[in-house]
Amino acid sequence: FDKMNDKDRTSIHEAMEQQSISISKAGIVTTLQARCSVIAAANPIGGRYRPSLPFTSNVDLTEPILSRFDIMCVVRDTIDPIADEKLARFVVGSHIRSHPDCKALAGQEAVADAIQMLNEPTSSSSSSTTTPALPQELLRKYITYAR
């Protein structure tokens, strides 16, 4: 949402507020019904979410737009070098293994070493704790309730 220009933001605000979209093209003026759900995302101002500030001060969105959403969730990227390394290893490893030339290059020492290094667990990864995932059925019920 924060990357949209003001014209697009105004258009989507109309759709969210009045559940209709006005169109004026080639001399035809009409209004269409717009019944849908909107799931949106916005980056915090300055690239970092500051918990000491209210939500409205962290994102560059107007109050009328924010008031149209039934639920707002903040997804924060906490700084954790161990988890970040595990994620980076997984992403890079997935890209290497799915690359069309992976099998052809697997015999080369540098590529084989890179794949082996990515598959090895980090020394401190076993000590990291994981947060249990929210069950999908509970999330589905919550979203249905929020609507």
N, C-alpha and C. Protein backbone atom coordinates (compact mmCIF):
# COMPACT_ATOMS: atom_id res chain seq x y z
N PHE A 1 0.81 -1.20 0.00
CA PHE A 1 0.00 0.00 0.00
C PHE A 1 0.85 1.26 0.00
N ASP A 2 1.98 1.20 0.70
CA ASP A 2 2.82 2.40 0.79
C ASP A 2 3.50 2.74 -0.52
N LYS A 3 3.54 1.82 -1.46
CA LYS A 3 4.18 2.07 -2.76
C LYS A 3 3.19 2.58 -3.81
N MET A 4 1.90 2.61 -3.49
CA MET A 4 0.88 3.06 -4.45
C MET A 4 0.91 4.57 -4.58
N ASN A 5 0.56 5.04 -5.77
CA ASN A 5 0.44 6.49 -5.92
C ASN A 5 -0.92 6.93 -5.38
N ASP A 6 -1.09 8.23 -5.18
CA ASP A 6 -2.30 8.76 -4.54
C ASP A 6 -3.56 8.47 -5.34
N LYS A 7 -3.46 8.47 -6.67
CA LYS A 7 -4.63 8.21 -7.51
C LYS A 7 -5.15 6.79 -7.29
N ASP A 8 -4.22 5.82 -7.27
CA ASP A 8 -4.62 4.43 -7.04
C ASP A 8 -5.17 4.24 -5.63
N ARG A 9 -4.56 4.91 -4.67
CA ARG A 9 -5.03 4.83 -3.29
C ARG A 9 -6.45 5.37 -3.16
N THR A 10 -6.74 6.45 -3.87
CA THR A 10 -8.09 7.02 -3.86
C THR A 10 -9.09 6.06 -4.49
N SER A 11 -8.68 5.43 -5.56
CA SER A 11 -9.58 4.48 -6.24
C SER A 11 -9.90 3.29 -5.36
N ILE A 12 -8.90 2.75 -4.70
CA ILE A 12 -9.15 1.58 -3.85
C ILE A 12 -9.94 1.98 -2.61
N HIS A 13 -9.76 3.21 -2.16
CA HIS A 13 -10.54 3.68 -1.02
C HIS A 13 -12.03 3.73 -1.37
N GLU A 14 -12.35 4.18 -2.58
CA GLU A 14 -13.74 4.18 -3.02
C GLU A 14 -14.31 2.77 -3.04
N ALA A 15 -13.53 1.83 -3.55
CA ALA A 15 -13.99 0.45 -3.63
C ALA A 15 -14.23 -0.13 -2.23
N MET A 16 -13.36 0.21 -1.29
CA MET A 16 -13.49 -0.32 0.06
C MET A 16 -14.63 0.37 0.83
N GLU A 17 -14.85 1.64 0.57
CA GLU A 17 -15.85 2.40 1.32
C GLU A 17 -17.26 2.20 0.77
N GLN A 18 -17.42 2.35 -0.54
CA GLN A 18 -18.74 2.32 -1.14
C GLN A 18 -19.06 0.99 -1.83
N GLN A 19 -18.11 0.09 -1.87
CA GLN A 19 -18.24 -1.20 -2.55
C GLN A 19 -18.66 -1.03 -4.00
N SER A 20 -18.09 -0.01 -4.64
CA SER A 20 -18.33 0.21 -6.06
C SER A 20 -17.12 0.94 -6.64
N ILE A 21 -16.97 0.82 -7.95
CA ILE A 21 -15.88 1.48 -8.66
C ILE A 21 -16.49 2.27 -9.82
N SER A 22 -16.13 3.55 -9.90
CA SER A 22 -16.62 4.40 -10.99
C SER A 22 -15.62 4.33 -12.14
N ILE A 23 -16.15 4.14 -13.35
CA ILE A 23 -15.31 4.04 -14.54
C ILE A 23 -15.77 5.08 -15.55
N SER A 24 -14.84 5.79 -16.15
CA SER A 24 -15.14 6.77 -17.19
C SER A 24 -14.12 6.59 -18.31
N LYS A 25 -14.49 5.83 -19.32
CA LYS A 25 -13.60 5.54 -20.46
C LYS A 25 -14.36 5.69 -21.77
N ALA A 26 -13.75 6.33 -22.72
CA ALA A 26 -14.28 6.45 -24.08
C ALA A 26 -15.72 6.96 -24.09
N GLY A 27 -16.01 7.93 -23.24
CA GLY A 27 -17.33 8.52 -23.21
C GLY A 27 -18.38 7.72 -22.45
N ILE A 28 -18.00 6.57 -21.91
CA ILE A 28 -18.93 5.75 -21.14
C ILE A 28 -18.63 5.97 -19.66
N VAL A 29 -19.64 6.34 -18.91
CA VAL A 29 -19.51 6.55 -17.48
C VAL A 29 -20.42 5.55 -16.78
N THR A 30 -19.85 4.75 -15.92
CA THR A 30 -20.64 3.72 -15.23
C THR A 30 -20.05 3.44 -13.86
N THR A 31 -20.80 2.74 -13.05
CA THR A 31 -20.36 2.32 -11.73
C THR A 31 -20.54 0.81 -11.63
N LEU A 32 -19.50 0.12 -11.21
CA LEU A 32 -19.52 -1.33 -11.08
C LEU A 32 -19.49 -1.71 -9.60
N GLN A 33 -20.20 -2.79 -9.28
CA GLN A 33 -20.17 -3.30 -7.92
C GLN A 33 -18.80 -3.92 -7.65
N ALA A 34 -18.29 -3.74 -6.45
CA ALA A 34 -16.98 -4.28 -6.09
C ALA A 34 -17.08 -4.92 -4.71
N ARG A 35 -17.50 -6.15 -4.68
CA ARG A 35 -17.60 -6.88 -3.41
C ARG A 35 -16.46 -7.87 -3.33
N CYS A 36 -15.49 -7.53 -2.53
CA CYS A 36 -14.34 -8.41 -2.41
C CYS A 36 -13.64 -8.13 -1.09
N SER A 37 -12.72 -9.00 -0.74
CA SER A 37 -11.88 -8.80 0.43
C SER A 37 -10.55 -8.24 -0.02
N VAL A 38 -9.97 -7.40 0.79
CA VAL A 38 -8.67 -6.81 0.45
C VAL A 38 -7.67 -7.22 1.52
N ILE A 39 -6.61 -7.83 1.07
CA ILE A 39 -5.49 -8.13 1.94
C ILE A 39 -4.34 -7.28 1.44
N ALA A 40 -3.81 -6.45 2.30
CA ALA A 40 -2.79 -5.48 1.87
C ALA A 40 -1.59 -5.56 2.79
N ALA A 41 -0.47 -5.03 2.33
CA ALA A 41 0.75 -4.94 3.12
C ALA A 41 1.37 -3.58 2.92
N ALA A 42 2.08 -3.13 3.93
CA ALA A 42 2.78 -1.85 3.85
C ALA A 42 4.07 -1.95 4.65
N ASN A 43 5.10 -1.33 4.14
CA ASN A 43 6.38 -1.31 4.85
C ASN A 43 6.41 -0.14 5.82
N PRO A 44 7.11 -0.30 6.93
CA PRO A 44 7.20 0.82 7.88
C PRO A 44 8.03 1.96 7.31
N ILE A 45 7.77 3.15 7.82
CA ILE A 45 8.54 4.33 7.41
C ILE A 45 9.97 4.13 7.86
N GLY A 46 10.92 4.31 6.96
CA GLY A 46 12.32 4.14 7.30
C GLY A 46 12.80 2.70 7.29
N GLY A 47 11.92 1.74 6.97
CA GLY A 47 12.34 0.35 6.85
C GLY A 47 12.31 -0.45 8.13
N ARG A 48 12.13 0.16 9.28
CA ARG A 48 12.08 -0.57 10.56
C ARG A 48 10.83 -0.17 11.33
N TYR A 49 10.14 -1.16 11.86
CA TYR A 49 8.97 -0.91 12.69
C TYR A 49 9.44 -0.54 14.09
N ARG A 50 8.92 0.57 14.60
CA ARG A 50 9.30 1.02 15.94
C ARG A 50 8.13 0.77 16.89
N PRO A 51 8.27 -0.23 17.78
CA PRO A 51 7.16 -0.59 18.67
C PRO A 51 6.76 0.54 19.63
N SER A 52 7.64 1.49 19.85
CA SER A 52 7.31 2.59 20.76
C SER A 52 6.32 3.58 20.14
N LEU A 53 6.15 3.53 18.82
CA LEU A 53 5.22 4.42 18.13
C LEU A 53 3.92 3.67 17.83
N PRO A 54 2.80 4.39 17.74
CA PRO A 54 1.55 3.72 17.34
C PRO A 54 1.63 3.27 15.88
N PHE A 55 0.75 2.35 15.53
CA PHE A 55 0.75 1.78 14.19
C PHE A 55 0.65 2.85 13.11
N THR A 56 -0.23 3.83 13.32
CA THR A 56 -0.45 4.87 12.31
C THR A 56 0.80 5.72 12.08
N SER A 57 1.67 5.82 13.08
CA SER A 57 2.91 6.58 12.91
C SER A 57 4.00 5.76 12.23
N ASN A 58 3.83 4.45 12.21
CA ASN A 58 4.83 3.58 11.60
C ASN A 58 4.63 3.38 10.10
N VAL A 59 3.42 3.56 9.63
CA VAL A 59 3.15 3.38 8.20
C VAL A 59 2.63 4.69 7.62
N ASP A 60 2.90 4.90 6.36
CA ASP A 60 2.51 6.13 5.69
C ASP A 60 1.16 5.95 4.99
N LEU A 61 0.13 5.73 5.81
CA LEU A 61 -1.22 5.55 5.28
C LEU A 61 -2.16 6.49 6.02
N THR A 62 -3.15 6.98 5.30
CA THR A 62 -4.09 7.92 5.91
C THR A 62 -5.08 7.18 6.80
N GLU A 63 -5.64 7.91 7.73
CA GLU A 63 -6.63 7.32 8.66
C GLU A 63 -7.86 6.78 7.94
N PRO A 64 -8.40 7.47 6.90
CA PRO A 64 -9.56 6.90 6.20
C PRO A 64 -9.27 5.53 5.56
N ILE A 65 -8.07 5.35 5.03
CA ILE A 65 -7.71 4.05 4.45
C ILE A 65 -7.61 3.01 5.56
N LEU A 66 -6.91 3.34 6.63
CA LEU A 66 -6.72 2.38 7.73
C LEU A 66 -8.05 1.98 8.36
N SER A 67 -9.00 2.90 8.41
CA SER A 67 -10.28 2.60 9.05
C SER A 67 -11.11 1.59 8.26
N ARG A 68 -10.77 1.35 7.01
CA ARG A 68 -11.51 0.40 6.18
C ARG A 68 -11.12 -1.05 6.44
N PHE A 69 -10.02 -1.27 7.13
CA PHE A 69 -9.57 -2.64 7.40
C PHE A 69 -10.15 -3.13 8.72
N ASP A 70 -10.65 -4.36 8.73
CA ASP A 70 -11.22 -4.95 9.94
C ASP A 70 -10.14 -5.41 10.90
N ILE A 71 -9.03 -5.86 10.36
CA ILE A 71 -7.96 -6.39 11.19
C ILE A 71 -6.62 -5.94 10.62
N MET A 72 -5.71 -5.59 11.51
CA MET A 72 -4.36 -5.20 11.10
C MET A 72 -3.37 -6.00 11.94
N CYS A 73 -2.43 -6.62 11.27
CA CYS A 73 -1.41 -7.41 11.95
C CYS A 73 -0.04 -6.83 11.63
N VAL A 74 0.82 -6.81 12.61
CA VAL A 74 2.19 -6.36 12.41
C VAL A 74 3.08 -7.59 12.33
N VAL A 75 3.79 -7.73 11.24
CA VAL A 75 4.75 -8.81 11.07
C VAL A 75 6.13 -8.19 11.18
N ARG A 76 6.85 -8.56 12.22
CA ARG A 76 8.16 -7.97 12.45
C ARG A 76 9.25 -9.01 12.21
N ASP A 77 10.32 -8.57 11.62
CA ASP A 77 11.48 -9.41 11.41
C ASP A 77 12.44 -9.15 12.56
N THR A 78 12.42 -10.06 13.52
CA THR A 78 13.35 -9.90 14.64
C THR A 78 14.74 -10.31 14.19
N ILE A 79 15.73 -9.61 14.67
CA ILE A 79 17.11 -9.87 14.27
C ILE A 79 17.61 -11.09 15.04
N ASP A 80 17.89 -12.17 14.31
CA ASP A 80 18.41 -13.41 14.88
C ASP A 80 19.40 -13.99 13.89
N PRO A 81 20.69 -13.78 14.12
CA PRO A 81 21.70 -14.24 13.16
C PRO A 81 21.64 -15.74 12.89
N ILE A 82 21.31 -16.54 13.87
CA ILE A 82 21.27 -18.00 13.67
C ILE A 82 20.11 -18.38 12.76
N ALA A 83 18.92 -17.85 13.07
CA ALA A 83 17.76 -18.15 12.23
C ALA A 83 17.93 -17.58 10.83
N ASP A 84 18.53 -16.39 10.72
CA ASP A 84 18.77 -15.79 9.41
C ASP A 84 19.73 -16.65 8.58
N GLU A 85 20.74 -17.20 9.23
CA GLU A 85 21.69 -18.06 8.52
C GLU A 85 21.01 -19.34 8.05
N LYS A 86 20.17 -19.93 8.91
CA LYS A 86 19.45 -21.15 8.52
C LYS A 86 18.55 -20.88 7.32
N LEU A 87 17.85 -19.75 7.36
CA LEU A 87 16.96 -19.40 6.26
C LEU A 87 17.74 -19.14 4.98
N ALA A 88 18.86 -18.44 5.10
CA ALA A 88 19.68 -18.16 3.92
C ALA A 88 20.23 -19.45 3.33
N ARG A 89 20.68 -20.37 4.20
CA ARG A 89 21.18 -21.67 3.71
C ARG A 89 20.08 -22.43 2.97
N PHE A 90 18.88 -22.41 3.52
CA PHE A 90 17.77 -23.12 2.89
C PHE A 90 17.44 -22.53 1.53
N VAL A 91 17.34 -21.20 1.46
CA VAL A 91 16.98 -20.55 0.20
C VAL A 91 18.05 -20.78 -0.86
N VAL A 92 19.31 -20.55 -0.50
CA VAL A 92 20.39 -20.73 -1.47
C VAL A 92 20.50 -22.20 -1.87
N GLY A 93 20.37 -23.10 -0.90
CA GLY A 93 20.42 -24.53 -1.21
C GLY A 93 19.31 -24.96 -2.15
N SER A 94 18.11 -24.43 -1.92
CA SER A 94 16.98 -24.76 -2.80
C SER A 94 17.23 -24.29 -4.22
N HIS A 95 17.78 -23.08 -4.34
CA HIS A 95 18.07 -22.55 -5.68
C HIS A 95 19.16 -23.36 -6.36
N ILE A 96 20.18 -23.75 -5.62
CA ILE A 96 21.26 -24.54 -6.23
C ILE A 96 20.73 -25.89 -6.67
N ARG A 97 19.97 -26.56 -5.80
CA ARG A 97 19.48 -27.91 -6.14
C ARG A 97 18.47 -27.89 -7.28
N SER A 98 17.69 -26.79 -7.42
CA SER A 98 16.69 -26.75 -8.48
C SER A 98 17.23 -26.16 -9.79
N HIS A 99 18.47 -25.71 -9.78
CA HIS A 99 19.05 -25.14 -10.99
C HIS A 99 19.24 -26.25 -12.02
N PRO A 100 18.94 -26.00 -13.29
CA PRO A 100 19.06 -27.05 -14.32
C PRO A 100 20.48 -27.59 -14.46
N ASP A 101 21.49 -26.78 -14.19
CA ASP A 101 22.87 -27.24 -14.34
C ASP A 101 23.43 -27.87 -13.08
N CYS A 102 22.64 -28.04 -12.03
CA CYS A 102 23.14 -28.55 -10.76
C CYS A 102 23.72 -29.95 -10.91
N LYS A 103 22.99 -30.82 -11.58
CA LYS A 103 23.47 -32.20 -11.73
C LYS A 103 24.70 -32.26 -12.62
N ALA A 104 24.73 -31.43 -13.65
CA ALA A 104 25.87 -31.41 -14.56
C ALA A 104 27.11 -30.87 -13.86
N LEU A 105 26.92 -29.91 -12.96
CA LEU A 105 28.06 -29.30 -12.27
C LEU A 105 28.40 -29.98 -10.95
N ALA A 106 27.61 -30.98 -10.54
CA ALA A 106 27.81 -31.60 -9.23
C ALA A 106 29.18 -32.25 -9.10
N GLY A 107 29.75 -32.66 -10.20
CA GLY A 107 31.07 -33.28 -10.14
C GLY A 107 32.18 -32.28 -9.89
N GLN A 108 31.94 -31.02 -10.16
CA GLN A 108 32.96 -30.00 -9.93
C GLN A 108 33.12 -29.77 -8.44
N GLU A 109 34.35 -29.68 -8.01
CA GLU A 109 34.67 -29.63 -6.59
C GLU A 109 34.04 -28.42 -5.88
N ALA A 110 34.09 -27.25 -6.49
CA ALA A 110 33.57 -26.04 -5.85
C ALA A 110 32.07 -26.13 -5.63
N VAL A 111 31.33 -26.63 -6.63
CA VAL A 111 29.89 -26.75 -6.52
C VAL A 111 29.53 -27.82 -5.49
N ALA A 112 30.23 -28.94 -5.52
CA ALA A 112 29.98 -30.01 -4.56
C ALA A 112 30.23 -29.54 -3.14
N ASP A 113 31.31 -28.77 -2.93
CA ASP A 113 31.61 -28.23 -1.61
C ASP A 113 30.52 -27.25 -1.15
N ALA A 114 30.02 -26.43 -2.06
CA ALA A 114 28.97 -25.47 -1.71
C ALA A 114 27.70 -26.19 -1.30
N ILE A 115 27.32 -27.23 -2.04
CA ILE A 115 26.12 -27.99 -1.70
C ILE A 115 26.30 -28.68 -0.36
N GLN A 116 27.45 -29.25 -0.12
CA GLN A 116 27.71 -29.93 1.15
C GLN A 116 27.66 -28.93 2.31
N MET A 117 28.26 -27.75 2.13
CA MET A 117 28.26 -26.74 3.18
C MET A 117 26.83 -26.29 3.50
N LEU A 118 25.99 -26.14 2.46
CA LEU A 118 24.62 -25.71 2.68
C LEU A 118 23.79 -26.78 3.38
N ASN A 119 24.12 -28.03 3.19
CA ASN A 119 23.37 -29.11 3.82
C ASN A 119 23.79 -29.36 5.25
N GLU A 120 24.97 -28.88 5.66
CA GLU A 120 25.44 -29.09 7.02
C GLU A 120 24.69 -28.16 7.97
N PRO A 121 24.27 -28.68 9.13
CA PRO A 121 23.63 -27.79 10.10
C PRO A 121 24.65 -26.85 10.70
N THR A 122 24.21 -25.68 11.11
CA THR A 122 25.12 -24.74 11.75
C THR A 122 25.44 -25.24 13.15
N SER A 123 26.55 -24.79 13.70
CA SER A 123 27.00 -25.29 14.99
C SER A 123 26.03 -24.95 16.11
N SER A 124 25.37 -23.82 16.04
CA SER A 124 24.49 -23.41 17.12
C SER A 124 23.01 -23.53 16.74
N SER A 125 22.70 -24.16 15.60
CA SER A 125 21.31 -24.23 15.18
C SER A 125 20.49 -25.18 16.05
N SER A 126 21.12 -26.15 16.68
CA SER A 126 20.37 -27.08 17.50
C SER A 126 19.90 -26.44 18.79
N SER A 127 20.53 -25.34 19.20
CA SER A 127 20.15 -24.69 20.44
C SER A 127 19.05 -23.67 20.26
N SER A 128 18.68 -23.34 19.02
CA SER A 128 17.65 -22.33 18.80
C SER A 128 16.28 -22.92 19.09
N THR A 129 15.41 -22.11 19.65
CA THR A 129 14.06 -22.56 19.95
C THR A 129 13.13 -22.13 18.83
N THR A 130 12.10 -22.93 18.63
CA THR A 130 11.13 -22.60 17.59
C THR A 130 9.78 -22.31 18.23
N THR A 131 9.07 -21.39 17.64
CA THR A 131 7.72 -21.07 18.09
C THR A 131 6.76 -21.99 17.36
N PRO A 132 5.83 -22.62 18.08
CA PRO A 132 4.91 -23.52 17.39
C PRO A 132 4.04 -22.74 16.40
N ALA A 133 3.80 -23.36 15.26
CA ALA A 133 2.99 -22.72 14.22
C ALA A 133 1.53 -22.71 14.63
N LEU A 134 0.82 -21.69 14.20
CA LEU A 134 -0.60 -21.59 14.46
C LEU A 134 -1.32 -22.60 13.57
N PRO A 135 -2.16 -23.45 14.15
CA PRO A 135 -2.86 -24.44 13.31
C PRO A 135 -3.69 -23.76 12.23
N GLN A 136 -3.69 -24.35 11.05
CA GLN A 136 -4.36 -23.76 9.90
C GLN A 136 -5.86 -23.61 10.15
N GLU A 137 -6.47 -24.57 10.80
CA GLU A 137 -7.91 -24.50 11.06
C GLU A 137 -8.25 -23.33 11.99
N LEU A 138 -7.41 -23.10 13.00
CA LEU A 138 -7.63 -21.98 13.91
C LEU A 138 -7.47 -20.65 13.18
N LEU A 139 -6.47 -20.55 12.31
CA LEU A 139 -6.27 -19.34 11.52
C LEU A 139 -7.47 -19.08 10.60
N ARG A 140 -7.97 -20.13 9.98
CA ARG A 140 -9.13 -20.01 9.09
C ARG A 140 -10.35 -19.50 9.88
N LYS A 141 -10.57 -20.05 11.08
CA LYS A 141 -11.69 -19.61 11.90
C LYS A 141 -11.52 -18.14 12.31
N TYR A 142 -10.31 -17.76 12.63
CA TYR A 142 -10.03 -16.39 13.06
C TYR A 142 -10.30 -15.40 11.94
N ILE A 143 -9.87 -15.73 10.73
CA ILE A 143 -10.09 -14.85 9.59
C ILE A 143 -11.59 -14.77 9.27
N THR A 144 -12.28 -15.89 9.36
CA THR A 144 -13.72 -15.89 9.14
C THR A 144 -14.43 -15.03 10.17
N TYR A 145 -14.00 -15.13 11.43
CA TYR A 145 -14.57 -14.32 12.49
C TYR A 145 -14.29 -12.83 12.25
N ALA A 146 -13.09 -12.51 11.78
CA ALA A 146 -12.71 -11.11 11.56
C ALA A 146 -13.54 -10.49 10.44
N ARG A 147 -13.93 -11.29 9.47
CA ARG A 147 -14.75 -10.75 8.37
C ARG A 147 -16.08 -10.31 8.90
